[in-house]
PDB file of N, CA and C in Angstrom:
ATOM      1  N   ARG A   1       7.905 -30.877  -9.845  1.00  0.00           N
ATOM      2  CA  ARG A   1       6.575 -30.123  -9.516  1.00  0.00           C
ATOM      3  C   ARG A   1       6.775 -28.845 -10.096  1.00  0.00           C
ATOM      4  N   ARG A   2       5.273 -28.537 -10.524  1.00  0.00           N
ATOM      5  CA  ARG A   2       4.956 -27.020 -10.791  1.00  0.00           C
ATOM      6  C   ARG A   2       4.678 -26.294  -9.620  1.00  0.00           C
ATOM      7  N   GLY A   3       4.478 -24.802 -10.250  1.00  0.00           N
ATOM      8  CA  GLY A   3       3.847 -23.967  -8.913  1.00  0.00           C
ATOM      9  C   GLY A   3       5.099 -23.441  -8.528  1.00  0.00           C
ATOM     10  N   PRO A   4       4.720 -22.563  -7.607  1.00  0.00           N
ATOM     11  CA  PRO A   4       5.881 -21.733  -6.667  1.00  0.00           C
ATOM     12  C   PRO A   4       7.110 -22.367  -5.860  1.00  0.00           C
ATOM     13  N   TRP A   5       7.362 -23.708  -6.593  1.00  0.00           N
ATOM     14  CA  TRP A   5       8.213 -24.283  -5.435  1.00  0.00           C
ATOM     15  C   TRP A   5       9.729 -24.183  -6.053  1.00  0.00           C
ATOM     16  N   MET A   6      11.021 -24.258  -5.536  1.00  0.00           N
ATOM     17  CA  MET A   6      12.158 -24.233  -5.698  1.00  0.00           C
ATOM     18  C   MET A   6      12.925 -25.130  -4.930  1.00  0.00           C
ATOM     19  N   GLN A   7      14.003 -25.626  -5.529  1.00  0.00           N
ATOM     20  CA  GLN A   7      14.872 -26.576  -5.109  1.00  0.00           C
ATOM     21  C   GLN A   7      16.048 -25.809  -4.282  1.00  0.00           C
ATOM     22  N   PHE A   8      16.353 -26.139  -3.277  1.00  0.00           N
ATOM     23  CA  PHE A   8      17.625 -25.618  -2.254  1.00  0.00           C
ATOM     24  C   PHE A   8      18.285 -27.039  -1.783  1.00  0.00           C
ATOM     25  N   PRO A   9      19.607 -26.610  -1.731  1.00  0.00           N
ATOM     26  CA  PRO A   9      20.480 -27.810  -1.272  1.00  0.00           C
ATOM     27  C   PRO A   9      20.108 -28.184   0.150  1.00  0.00           C
ATOM     28  N   GLY A  10      19.964 -29.209   0.471  1.00  0.00           N
ATOM     29  CA  GLY A  10      19.656 -29.995   1.781  1.00  0.00           C
ATOM     30  C   GLY A  10      20.855 -30.429   2.657  1.00  0.00           C
ATOM     31  N   LYS A  11      20.929 -30.502   3.882  1.00  0.00           N
ATOM     32  CA  LYS A  11      21.948 -30.679   4.778  1.00  0.00           C
ATOM     33  C   LYS A  11      22.655 -32.042   4.434  1.00  0.00           C
ATOM     34  N   ASP A  12      22.252 -32.894   3.870  1.00  0.00           N
ATOM     35  CA  ASP A  12      23.152 -34.103   3.334  1.00  0.00           C
ATOM     36  C   ASP A  12      23.490 -34.167   1.933  1.00  0.00           C
ATOM     37  N   GLY A  13      23.351 -33.034   1.231  1.00  0.00           N
ATOM     38  CA  GLY A  13      23.733 -33.075  -0.166  1.00  0.00           C
ATOM     39  C   GLY A  13      22.500 -33.429  -0.903  1.00  0.00           C
ATOM     40  N   GLY A  14      21.403 -33.680  -0.439  1.00  0.00           N
ATOM     41  CA  GLY A  14      20.204 -33.724  -1.368  1.00  0.00           C
ATOM     42  C   GLY A  14      19.474 -32.380  -1.848  1.00  0.00           C
ATOM     43  N   ARG A  15      18.438 -32.678  -2.135  1.00  0.00           N
ATOM     44  CA  ARG A  15      17.972 -31.340  -2.700  1.00  0.00           C
ATOM     45  C   ARG A  15      16.635 -31.309  -1.749  1.00  0.00           C
ATOM     46  N   VAL A  16      16.188 -30.207  -1.418  1.00  0.00           N
ATOM     47  CA  VAL A  16      14.958 -29.785  -0.511  1.00  0.00           C
ATOM     48  C   VAL A  16      13.818 -28.834  -1.204  1.00  0.00           C
ATOM     49  N   LEU A  17      12.810 -29.236  -1.400  1.00  0.00           N
ATOM     50  CA  LEU A  17      11.795 -28.165  -2.226  1.00  0.00           C
ATOM     51  C   LEU A  17      11.167 -27.310  -1.118  1.00  0.00           C
ATOM     52  N   ARG A  18      11.037 -25.854  -1.481  1.00  0.00           N
ATOM     53  CA  ARG A  18      10.527 -25.403  -0.492  1.00  0.00           C
ATOM     54  C   ARG A  18       9.618 -24.114  -1.108  1.00  0.00           C
ATOM     55  N   LYS A  19       8.715 -23.708  -0.706  1.00  0.00           N
ATOM     56  CA  LYS A  19       7.995 -22.854  -1.401  1.00  0.00           C
ATOM     57  C   LYS A  19       8.574 -21.263  -1.638  1.00  0.00           C
ATOM     58  N   LYS A  20       8.419 -21.189  -2.607  1.00  0.00           N
ATOM     59  CA  LYS A  20       9.238 -19.581  -2.972  1.00  0.00           C
ATOM     60  C   LYS A  20       8.284 -18.475  -2.508  1.00  0.00           C
ATOM     61  N   VAL A  21       9.180 -17.487  -1.842  1.00  0.00           N
ATOM     62  CA  VAL A  21       8.158 -16.509  -1.194  1.00  0.00           C
ATOM     63  C   VAL A  21       8.248 -15.618  -2.228  1.00  0.00           C
ATOM     64  N   ILE A  22       6.809 -14.948  -2.670  1.00  0.00           N
ATOM     65  CA  ILE A  22       6.362 -14.055  -3.835  1.00  0.00           C
ATOM     66  C   ILE A  22       6.672 -12.724  -3.342  1.00  0.00           C
ATOM     67  N   MET A  23       5.904 -12.792  -2.485  1.00  0.00           N
ATOM     68  CA  MET A  23       5.647 -11.169  -1.816  1.00  0.00           C
ATOM     69  C   MET A  23       5.527 -11.315  -0.207  1.00  0.00           C
ATOM     70  N   ASN A  24       5.966 -10.286   0.747  1.00  0.00           N
ATOM     71  CA  ASN A  24       6.068 -10.226   1.995  1.00  0.00           C
ATOM     72  C   ASN A  24       5.167  -8.769   1.834  1.00  0.00           C
ATOM     73  N   PHE A  25       4.223  -9.136   2.913  1.00  0.00           N
ATOM     74  CA  PHE A  25       3.540  -7.846   3.366  1.00  0.00           C
ATOM     75  C   PHE A  25       3.004  -8.049   4.947  1.00  0.00           C
ATOM     76  N   ASP A  26       2.681  -6.827   5.399  1.00  0.00           N
ATOM     77  CA  ASP A  26       2.270  -6.589   6.564  1.00  0.00           C
ATOM     78  C   ASP A  26       1.100  -5.638   6.714  1.00  0.00           C
ATOM     79  N   LEU A  27       0.158  -5.753   7.650  1.00  0.00           N
ATOM     80  CA  LEU A  27      -1.150  -5.128   7.450  1.00  0.00           C
ATOM     81  C   LEU A  27      -0.915  -4.312   8.734  1.00  0.00           C
ATOM     82  N   LYS A  28      -1.007  -3.020   8.671  1.00  0.00           N
ATOM     83  CA  LYS A  28      -0.997  -2.208   9.777  1.00  0.00           C
ATOM     84  C   LYS A  28      -1.803  -1.118   9.864  1.00  0.00           C
ATOM     85  N   THR A  29      -2.542  -0.865  11.290  1.00  0.00           N
ATOM     86  CA  THR A  29      -3.083   0.243  11.329  1.00  0.00           C
ATOM     87  C   THR A  29      -2.292   1.405  11.924  1.00  0.00           C
ATOM     88  N   LEU A  30      -2.062   2.570  10.969  1.00  0.00           N
ATOM     89  CA  LEU A  30      -1.308   3.628  11.582  1.00  0.00           C
ATOM     90  C   LEU A  30      -2.327   4.925  11.384  1.00  0.00           C
ATOM     91  N   GLY A  31      -1.733   5.919  12.019  1.00  0.00           N
ATOM     92  CA  GLY A  31      -2.404   7.189  11.966  1.00  0.00           C
ATOM     93  C   GLY A  31      -1.826   7.636  10.666  1.00  0.00           C
ATOM     94  N   LEU A  32      -2.068   8.754  10.062  1.00  0.00           N
ATOM     95  CA  LEU A  32      -1.647   9.195   8.663  1.00  0.00           C
ATOM     96  C   LEU A  32      -0.171   9.717   8.692  1.00  0.00           C
ATOM     97  N   ALA A  33       0.148  10.288   9.945  1.00  0.00           N
ATOM     98  CA  ALA A  33       1.492  10.881   9.872  1.00  0.00           C
ATOM     99  C   ALA A  33       2.381   9.447   9.979  1.00  0.00           C
ATOM    100  N   GLY A  34       2.184   8.477  10.731  1.00  0.00           N
ATOM    101  CA  GLY A  34       2.821   7.353  11.044  1.00  0.00           C
ATOM    102  C   GLY A  34       2.910   6.801   9.724  1.00  0.00           C
ATOM    103  N   ALA A  35       1.825   6.537   8.873  1.00  0.00           N
ATOM    104  CA  ALA A  35       1.985   6.035   7.142  1.00  0.00           C
ATOM    105  C   ALA A  35       2.791   6.609   6.490  1.00  0.00           C
ATOM    106  N   ALA A  36       2.816   7.756   6.669  1.00  0.00           N
ATOM    107  CA  ALA A  36       3.594   8.980   5.766  1.00  0.00           C
ATOM    108  C   ALA A  36       4.970   8.536   6.048  1.00  0.00           C
ATOM    109  N   SER A  37       5.302   8.333   7.132  1.00  0.00           N
ATOM    110  CA  SER A  37       6.679   7.902   7.527  1.00  0.00           C
ATOM    111  C   SER A  37       6.866   6.554   7.512  1.00  0.00           C
ATOM    112  N   GLU A  38       6.302   5.596   7.096  1.00  0.00           N
ATOM    113  CA  GLU A  38       6.504   4.363   7.169  1.00  0.00           C
ATOM    114  C   GLU A  38       7.137   3.952   5.760  1.00  0.00           C
ATOM    115  N   LYS A  39       8.629   3.086   5.818  1.00  0.00           N
ATOM    116  CA  LYS A  39       9.309   3.097   4.769  1.00  0.00           C
ATOM    117  C   LYS A  39       9.072   1.784   4.393  1.00  0.00           C
ATOM    118  N   CYS A  40       8.298   1.557   3.196  1.00  0.00           N
ATOM    119  CA  CYS A  40       7.968   0.309   2.346  1.00  0.00           C
ATOM    120  C   CYS A  40       8.150   0.783   0.820  1.00  0.00           C
ATOM    121  N   ASP A  41       7.791  -0.495   0.030  1.00  0.00           N
ATOM    122  CA  ASP A  41       7.599  -0.374  -1.291  1.00  0.00           C
ATOM    123  C   ASP A  41       6.214   0.013  -1.744  1.00  0.00           C
ATOM    124  N   LEU A  42       5.131  -0.290  -1.093  1.00  0.00           N
ATOM    125  CA  LEU A  42       4.046   0.204  -1.396  1.00  0.00           C
ATOM    126  C   LEU A  42       3.033   0.450  -0.167  1.00  0.00           C
ATOM    127  N   LEU A  43       2.382   1.719  -0.302  1.00  0.00           N
ATOM    128  CA  LEU A  43       1.437   1.946   0.781  1.00  0.00           C
ATOM    129  C   LEU A  43       0.271   2.152   0.037  1.00  0.00           C
ATOM    130  N   ILE A  44      -0.815   1.440   0.896  1.00  0.00           N
ATOM    131  CA  ILE A  44      -2.364   1.598   0.333  1.00  0.00           C
ATOM    132  C   ILE A  44      -2.956   2.138   1.391  1.00  0.00           C
ATOM    133  N   LEU A  45      -3.439   3.678   1.090  1.00  0.00           N
ATOM    134  CA  LEU A  45      -4.484   4.403   1.861  1.00  0.00           C
ATOM    135  C   LEU A  45      -5.843   4.255   1.551  1.00  0.00           C
ATOM    136  N   LEU A  46      -6.496   3.696   2.531  1.00  0.00           N
ATOM    137  CA  LEU A  46      -8.026   3.542   2.137  1.00  0.00           C
ATOM    138  C   LEU A  46      -8.678   5.128   2.616  1.00  0.00           C
ATOM    139  N   VAL A  47      -9.045   5.505   1.820  1.00  0.00           N
ATOM    140  CA  VAL A  47      -9.614   7.124   1.889  1.00  0.00           C
ATOM    141  C   VAL A  47     -11.388   6.915   1.773  1.00  0.00           C
ATOM    142  N   PRO A  48     -12.011   7.099   3.089  1.00  0.00           N
ATOM    143  CA  PRO A  48     -13.563   7.255   2.967  1.00  0.00           C
ATOM    144  C   PRO A  48     -14.209   8.420   2.741  1.00  0.00           C
ATOM    145  N   GLU A  49     -15.375   8.436   2.240  1.00  0.00           N
ATOM    146  CA  GLU A  49     -16.378   9.591   1.947  1.00  0.00           C
ATOM    147  C   GLU A  49     -15.935  10.568   3.355  1.00  0.00           C
ATOM    148  N   GLY A  50     -16.181  11.802   3.270  1.00  0.00           N
ATOM    149  CA  GLY A  50     -15.937  12.733   4.195  1.00  0.00           C
ATOM    150  C   GLY A  50     -14.566  12.473   4.683  1.00  0.00           C
ATOM    151  N   PHE A  51     -13.786  12.298   4.165  1.00  0.00           N
ATOM    152  CA  PHE A  51     -12.643  12.697   4.635  1.00  0.00           C
ATOM    153  C   PHE A  51     -11.921  14.058   5.354  1.00  0.00           C
ATOM    154  N   GLN A  52     -11.261  14.164   6.251  1.00  0.00           N
ATOM    155  CA  GLN A  52     -11.005  15.186   6.799  1.00  0.00           C
ATOM    156  C   GLN A  52      -9.592  15.783   6.833  1.00  0.00           C
ATOM    157  N   PRO A  53      -8.928  16.300   5.950  1.00  0.00           N
ATOM    158  CA  PRO A  53      -7.240  16.442   6.131  1.00  0.00           C
ATOM    159  C   PRO A  53      -6.930  16.772   7.133  1.00  0.00           C
ATOM    160  N   GLY A  54      -5.968  16.496   7.694  1.00  0.00           N
ATOM    161  CA  GLY A  54      -4.612  16.994   8.724  1.00  0.00           C
ATOM    162  C   GLY A  54      -3.898  17.623   8.429  1.00  0.00           C
ATOM    163  N   ALA A  55      -2.574  17.853   9.024  1.00  0.00           N
ATOM    164  CA  ALA A  55      -1.505  18.773   8.656  1.00  0.00           C
ATOM    165  C   ALA A  55      -0.647  18.004   8.055  1.00  0.00           C
ATOM    166  N   ASP A  56      -0.511  16.507   8.003  1.00  0.00           N
ATOM    167  CA  ASP A  56       0.210  15.602   7.550  1.00  0.00           C
ATOM    168  C   ASP A  56       0.539  15.545   5.918  1.00  0.00           C
ATOM    169  N   ALA A  57       1.582  14.885   5.509  1.00  0.00           N
ATOM    170  CA  ALA A  57       2.029  14.826   3.942  1.00  0.00           C
ATOM    171  C   ALA A  57       0.876  14.137   3.304  1.00  0.00           C
ATOM    172  N   LEU A  58       0.295  12.779   3.818  1.00  0.00           N
ATOM    173  CA  LEU A  58      -0.649  12.189   3.567  1.00  0.00           C
ATOM    174  C   LEU A  58      -1.959  12.939   3.181  1.00  0.00           C
ATOM    175  N   SER A  59      -2.225  13.547   4.149  1.00  0.00           N
ATOM    176  CA  SER A  59      -3.653  14.423   4.071  1.00  0.00           C
ATOM    177  C   SER A  59      -3.383  15.432   3.089  1.00  0.00           C
ATOM    178  N   THR A  60      -2.582  16.313   2.775  1.00  0.00           N
ATOM    179  CA  THR A  60      -1.948  17.075   1.818  1.00  0.00           C
ATOM    180  C   THR A  60      -2.245  16.395   0.628  1.00  0.00           C
ATOM    181  N   LEU A  61      -1.626  15.168   0.442  1.00  0.00           N
ATOM    182  CA  LEU A  61      -1.751  14.756  -0.771  1.00  0.00           C
ATOM    183  C   LEU A  61      -3.139  14.343  -1.319  1.00  0.00           C
ATOM    184  N   VAL A  62      -3.971  13.845  -0.360  1.00  0.00           N
ATOM    185  CA  VAL A  62      -5.495  13.401  -0.699  1.00  0.00           C
ATOM    186  C   VAL A  62      -5.914  14.628  -0.691  1.00  0.00           C
ATOM    187  N   ALA A  63      -5.899  15.790  -0.039  1.00  0.00           N
ATOM    188  CA  ALA A  63      -6.796  16.984  -0.286  1.00  0.00           C
ATOM    189  C   ALA A  63      -6.579  17.463  -1.717  1.00  0.00           C
ATOM    190  N   LEU A  64      -4.978  17.388  -2.132  1.00  0.00           N
ATOM    191  CA  LEU A  64      -4.821  18.170  -3.320  1.00  0.00           C
ATOM    192  C   LEU A  64      -5.371  17.161  -4.519  1.00  0.00           C
ATOM    193  N   ALA A  65      -5.370  15.857  -4.367  1.00  0.00           N
ATOM    194  CA  ALA A  65      -5.906  14.892  -5.479  1.00  0.00           C
ATOM    195  C   ALA A  65      -7.489  15.174  -5.546  1.00  0.00           C
ATOM    196  N   LEU A  66      -8.152  15.334  -4.386  1.00  0.00           N
ATOM    197  CA  LEU A  66      -9.648  15.520  -4.406  1.00  0.00           C
ATOM    198  C   LEU A  66      -9.842  16.880  -5.028  1.00  0.00           C
ATOM    199  N   LYS A  67      -9.110  17.976  -4.861  1.00  0.00           N
ATOM    200  CA  LYS A  67      -9.279  19.035  -5.133  1.00  0.00           C
ATOM    201  C   LYS A  67      -9.212  19.343  -6.572  1.00  0.00           C
ATOM    202  N   GLY A  68      -8.170  18.221  -7.249  1.00  0.00           N
ATOM    203  CA  GLY A  68      -7.839  18.313  -8.727  1.00  0.00           C
ATOM    204  C   GLY A  68      -8.737  17.492  -9.760  1.00  0.00           C
ATOM    205  N   LYS A  69      -9.722  16.873  -8.547  1.00  0.00           N
ATOM    206  CA  LYS A  69     -10.521  16.027  -9.297  1.00  0.00           C
ATOM    207  C   LYS A  69      -9.811  14.834  -9.851  1.00  0.00           C
ATOM    208  N   ASP A  70      -8.371  14.372  -9.185  1.00  0.00           N
ATOM    209  CA  ASP A  70      -8.138  13.143  -9.820  1.00  0.00           C
ATOM    210  C   ASP A  70      -8.300  11.704  -8.998  1.00  0.00           C
ATOM    211  N   LEU A  71      -9.111  12.189  -7.864  1.00  0.00           N
ATOM    212  CA  LEU A  71      -9.152  11.172  -6.896  1.00  0.00           C
ATOM    213  C   LEU A  71     -10.996  11.062  -6.570  1.00  0.00           C
ATOM    214  N   GLU A  72     -11.548   9.862  -6.880  1.00  0.00           N
ATOM    215  CA  GLU A  72     -12.929  10.037  -6.293  1.00  0.00           C
ATOM    216  C   GLU A  72     -12.969   8.913  -5.398  1.00  0.00           C
ATOM    217  N   LEU A  73     -13.814   9.147  -4.303  1.00  0.00           N
ATOM    218  CA  LEU A  73     -13.886   8.033  -3.039  1.00  0.00           C
ATOM    219  C   LEU A  73     -15.011   6.933  -3.029  1.00  0.00           C
ATOM    220  N   GLN A  74     -15.429   6.888  -4.325  1.00  0.00           N
ATOM    221  CA  GLN A  74     -16.282   5.787  -4.275  1.00  0.00           C
ATOM    222  C   GLN A  74     -15.460   4.651  -4.639  1.00  0.00           C
ATOM    223  N   PRO A  75     -16.099   3.335  -3.934  1.00  0.00           N
ATOM    224  CA  PRO A  75     -15.265   1.936  -4.065  1.00  0.00           C
ATOM    225  C   PRO A  75     -14.764   1.576  -5.374  1.00  0.00           C
ATOM    226  N   GLY A  76     -13.507   1.219  -5.467  1.00  0.00           N
ATOM    227  CA  GLY A  76     -13.182   0.589  -7.022  1.00  0.00           C
ATOM    228  C   GLY A  76     -12.327   1.978  -7.550  1.00  0.00           C
ATOM    229  N   LYS A  77     -12.389   2.921  -6.965  1.00  0.00           N
ATOM    230  CA  LYS A  77     -11.592   4.320  -7.715  1.00  0.00           C
ATOM    231  C   LYS A  77     -10.294   4.123  -6.973  1.00  0.00           C
ATOM    232  N   HIS A  78      -9.394   4.645  -7.736  1.00  0.00           N
ATOM    233  CA  HIS A  78      -7.914   4.686  -6.993  1.00  0.00           C
ATOM    234  C   HIS A  78      -7.067   5.696  -7.763  1.00  0.00           C
ATOM    235  N   LEU A  79      -6.199   6.014  -7.018  1.00  0.00           N
ATOM    236  CA  LEU A  79      -4.876   6.894  -7.954  1.00  0.00           C
ATOM    237  C   LEU A  79      -3.742   6.195  -7.198  1.00  0.00           C
ATOM    238  N   GLN A  80      -2.916   6.189  -8.339  1.00  0.00           N
ATOM    239  CA  GLN A  80      -1.445   5.582  -8.332  1.00  0.00           C
ATOM    240  C   GLN A  80      -0.382   6.513  -7.952  1.00  0.00           C
ATOM    241  N   LEU A  81       0.710   6.568  -7.093  1.00  0.00           N
ATOM    242  CA  LEU A  81       1.643   7.666  -7.115  1.00  0.00           C
ATOM    243  C   LEU A  81       2.744   7.092  -7.145  1.00  0.00           C
ATOM    244  N   TYR A  82       3.855   7.634  -7.364  1.00  0.00           N
ATOM    245  CA  TYR A  82       5.566   7.383  -7.345  1.00  0.00           C
ATOM    246  C   TYR A  82       6.013   8.356  -6.705  1.00  0.00           C
ATOM    247  N   GLN A  83       6.887   8.044  -5.647  1.00  0.00           N
ATOM    248  CA  GLN A  83       7.688   8.832  -5.150  1.00  0.00           C
ATOM    249  C   GLN A  83       7.234  10.098  -4.629  1.00  0.00           C
ATOM    250  N   ALA A  84       6.314  10.049  -3.978  1.00  0.00           N
ATOM    251  CA  ALA A  84       5.393  11.507  -3.572  1.00  0.00           C
ATOM    252  C   ALA A  84       6.207  12.048  -2.592  1.00  0.00           C
ATOM    253  N   PRO A  85       6.234  13.213  -2.812  1.00  0.00           N
ATOM    254  CA  PRO A  85       6.820  14.173  -1.793  1.00  0.00           C
ATOM    255  C   PRO A  85       6.575  14.280  -0.330  1.00  0.00           C
ATOM    256  N   GLY A  86       7.406  13.890   0.600  1.00  0.00           N
ATOM    257  CA  GLY A  86       7.025  13.947   2.027  1.00  0.00           C
ATOM    258  C   GLY A  86       6.713  12.619   2.557  1.00  0.00           C
ATOM    259  N   ILE A  87       6.608  11.389   1.476  1.00  0.00           N
ATOM    260  CA  ILE A  87       6.146  10.408   2.088  1.00  0.00           C
ATOM    261  C   ILE A  87       7.217   9.326   1.756  1.00  0.00           C
ATOM    262  N   ALA A  88       7.392   8.587   2.882  1.00  0.00           N
ATOM    263  CA  ALA A  88       8.681   7.715   2.824  1.00  0.00           C
ATOM    264  C   ALA A  88       8.330   6.279   1.745  1.00  0.00           C
ATOM    265  N   ALA A  89       7.014   5.911   1.884  1.00  0.00           N
ATOM    266  CA  ALA A  89       7.110   4.682   0.543  1.00  0.00           C
ATOM    267  C   ALA A  89       7.448   5.304  -0.679  1.00  0.00           C
ATOM    268  N   ARG A  90       7.833   4.124  -1.507  1.00  0.00           N
ATOM    269  CA  ARG A  90       8.235   4.302  -2.852  1.00  0.00           C
ATOM    270  C   ARG A  90       7.017   4.649  -3.382  1.00  0.00           C
ATOM    271  N   ARG A  91       5.826   3.894  -3.308  1.00  0.00           N
ATOM    272  CA  ARG A  91       4.715   3.968  -4.270  1.00  0.00           C
ATOM    273  C   ARG A  91       3.763   4.053  -3.378  1.00  0.00           C
ATOM    274  N   VAL A  92       2.567   4.835  -3.582  1.00  0.00           N
ATOM    275  CA  VAL A  92       1.433   5.158  -3.019  1.00  0.00           C
ATOM    276  C   VAL A  92       0.071   4.931  -3.842  1.00  0.00           C
ATOM    277  N   VAL A  93      -0.817   4.106  -3.313  1.00  0.00           N
ATOM    278  CA  VAL A  93      -2.035   3.900  -3.760  1.00  0.00           C
ATOM    279  C   VAL A  93      -3.120   4.558  -3.011  1.00  0.00           C
ATOM    280  N   LEU A  94      -3.736   5.700  -3.460  1.00  0.00           N
ATOM    281  CA  LEU A  94      -4.876   6.238  -2.836  1.00  0.00           C
ATOM    282  C   LEU A  94      -5.940   5.549  -3.237  1.00  0.00           C
ATOM    283  N   ALA A  95      -6.926   4.594  -2.372  1.00  0.00           N
ATOM    284  CA  ALA A  95      -7.986   4.005  -2.758  1.00  0.00           C
ATOM    285  C   ALA A  95      -9.283   4.513  -2.214  1.00  0.00           C
ATOM    286  N   GLY A  96      -9.991   4.716  -2.936  1.00  0.00           N
ATOM    287  CA  GLY A  96     -11.394   5.301  -2.439  1.00  0.00           C
ATOM    288  C   GLY A  96     -12.337   4.149  -1.813  1.00  0.00           C
ATOM    289  N   MET A  97     -13.117   4.381  -0.649  1.00  0.00           N
ATOM    290  CA  MET A  97     -13.731   3.255  -0.100  1.00  0.00           C
ATOM    291  C   MET A  97     -15.112   3.521   0.141  1.00  0.00           C
ATOM    292  N   GLY A  98     -15.711   4.648  -0.392  1.00  0.00           N
ATOM    293  CA  GLY A  98     -17.092   4.907   0.060  1.00  0.00           C
ATOM    294  C   GLY A  98     -17.571   5.245   1.287  1.00  0.00           C
ATOM    295  N   LYS A  99     -18.404   4.794   1.773  1.00  0.00           N
ATOM    296  CA  LYS A  99     -18.778   5.406   3.068  1.00  0.00           C
ATOM    297  C   LYS A  99     -18.272   4.151   4.307  1.00  0.00           C
ATOM    298  N   GLY A 100     -17.459   3.289   3.737  1.00  0.00           N
ATOM    299  CA  GLY A 100     -16.994   2.309   4.588  1.00  0.00           C
ATOM    300  C   GLY A 100     -17.805   1.317   5.054  1.00  0.00           C
ATOM    301  N   ASP A 101     -18.887   1.217   4.962  1.00  0.00           N
ATOM    302  CA  ASP A 101     -19.855   0.466   5.650  1.00  0.00           C
ATOM    303  C   ASP A 101     -20.465  -0.541   5.025  1.00  0.00           C
ATOM    304  N   ALA A 102     -19.691  -1.035   4.402  1.00  0.00           N
ATOM    305  CA  ALA A 102     -20.291  -2.413   3.482  1.00  0.00           C
ATOM    306  C   ALA A 102     -19.706  -3.588   4.203  1.00  0.00           C
TER     307      ALA A 102
END
Protein backbone atom coordinates (compact mmCIF):
# COMPACT_ATOMS: atom_id res chain seq x y z
CA ARG A 1 0.00 0.00 0.00
CA ARG A 2 1.04 3.55 -0.63
CA GLY A 3 0.35 6.50 1.58
CA PRO A 4 0.87 7.15 5.27
CA TRP A 5 0.69 3.49 6.33
CA MET A 6 3.35 1.53 8.23
CA GLN A 7 3.71 -2.15 9.05
CA PHE A 8 3.92 -3.18 12.71
CA PRO A 9 4.31 -6.65 14.24
CA GLY A 10 0.97 -8.30 15.00
CA LYS A 11 0.08 -10.40 18.07
CA ASP A 12 0.39 -13.68 16.15
CA GLY A 13 3.69 -12.83 14.44
CA GLY A 14 2.01 -11.46 11.32
CA ARG A 15 2.13 -7.86 10.16
CA VAL A 16 -0.49 -5.22 10.87
CA LEU A 17 -0.94 -2.06 8.84
CA ARG A 18 -1.52 1.08 10.86
CA LYS A 19 -1.76 4.64 9.81
CA LYS A 20 1.42 6.61 10.54
CA VAL A 21 0.95 9.60 12.84
CA ILE A 22 2.31 12.63 11.04
CA MET A 23 1.38 15.36 13.51
CA ASN A 24 -0.46 15.68 16.78
CA PHE A 25 -2.06 19.00 17.56
CA ASP A 26 -4.50 20.49 20.00
CA LEU A 27 -6.75 23.49 19.50
CA LYS A 28 -6.98 25.44 22.73
CA THR A 29 -8.56 28.71 23.73
CA LEU A 30 -6.14 30.40 26.11
CA GLY A 31 -5.55 33.86 27.44
CA LEU A 32 -2.30 35.48 26.36
CA ALA A 33 -0.52 34.77 29.66
CA GLY A 34 -1.62 31.12 29.50
CA ALA A 35 -0.55 30.82 25.87
CA ALA A 36 2.88 32.28 26.69
CA SER A 37 3.44 29.55 29.30
CA GLU A 38 2.12 26.68 27.11
CA LYS A 39 5.05 24.39 26.33
CA CYS A 40 4.75 23.20 22.72
CA ASP A 41 6.64 23.03 19.43
CA LEU A 42 4.53 25.69 17.71
CA LEU A 43 2.16 28.33 19.00
CA ILE A 44 0.00 30.18 16.48
CA LEU A 45 -1.48 33.42 17.79
CA LEU A 46 -4.26 35.05 15.77
CA VAL A 47 -3.97 38.82 16.20
CA PRO A 48 -7.02 40.96 15.30
CA GLU A 49 -7.05 44.58 14.17
CA GLY A 50 -7.36 46.83 17.21
CA PHE A 51 -5.23 44.52 19.35
CA GLN A 52 -4.77 45.98 22.85
CA PRO A 53 -1.58 44.68 24.48
CA GLY A 54 -1.53 43.58 28.11
CA ALA A 55 1.38 43.03 30.48
CA ASP A 56 2.27 39.49 29.35
CA ALA A 57 5.16 38.32 27.15
CA LEU A 58 3.01 37.66 24.05
CA SER A 59 1.41 41.10 24.23
CA THR A 60 4.83 42.69 24.48
CA LEU A 61 6.06 40.66 21.51
CA VAL A 62 3.04 41.64 19.37
CA ALA A 63 3.34 45.30 20.39
CA LEU A 64 7.04 45.38 19.46
CA ALA A 65 6.39 43.65 16.12
CA LEU A 66 3.62 46.14 15.30
CA LYS A 67 5.71 49.13 16.38
CA GLY A 68 8.64 47.92 14.24
CA LYS A 69 6.27 47.33 11.30
CA ASP A 70 7.35 43.68 11.17
CA LEU A 71 3.75 42.50 11.53
CA GLU A 72 0.66 43.65 9.67
CA LEU A 73 -2.77 42.60 10.90
CA GLN A 74 -4.42 41.97 7.53
CA PRO A 75 -5.52 38.38 6.89
CA GLY A 76 -2.70 36.29 5.43
CA LYS A 77 0.10 38.37 6.96
CA HIS A 78 2.27 36.65 9.54
CA LEU A 79 5.56 36.78 11.42
CA GLN A 80 7.52 33.66 12.36
CA LEU A 81 9.69 33.67 15.50
CA TYR A 82 12.05 31.14 17.03
CA GLN A 83 12.67 30.81 20.78
CA ALA A 84 11.15 34.16 21.67
CA PRO A 85 12.16 35.32 25.18
CA GLY A 86 9.54 34.74 27.88
CA ILE A 87 7.52 32.31 25.74
CA ALA A 88 7.57 28.56 26.42
CA ALA A 89 6.77 27.51 22.82
CA ARG A 90 9.83 26.78 20.69
CA ARG A 91 8.31 28.49 17.64
CA VAL A 92 5.69 31.23 17.46
CA VAL A 93 3.69 32.44 14.48
CA LEU A 94 1.88 35.74 14.90
CA ALA A 95 -0.89 35.76 12.28
CA GLY A 96 -2.90 38.81 11.35
CA MET A 97 -6.63 38.14 11.10
CA GLY A 98 -8.02 41.52 10.14
CA LYS A 99 -11.28 42.43 11.84
CA GLY A 100 -12.02 38.76 12.48
CA ASP A 101 -15.56 38.99 11.11
CA ALA A 102 -15.20 36.81 8.01
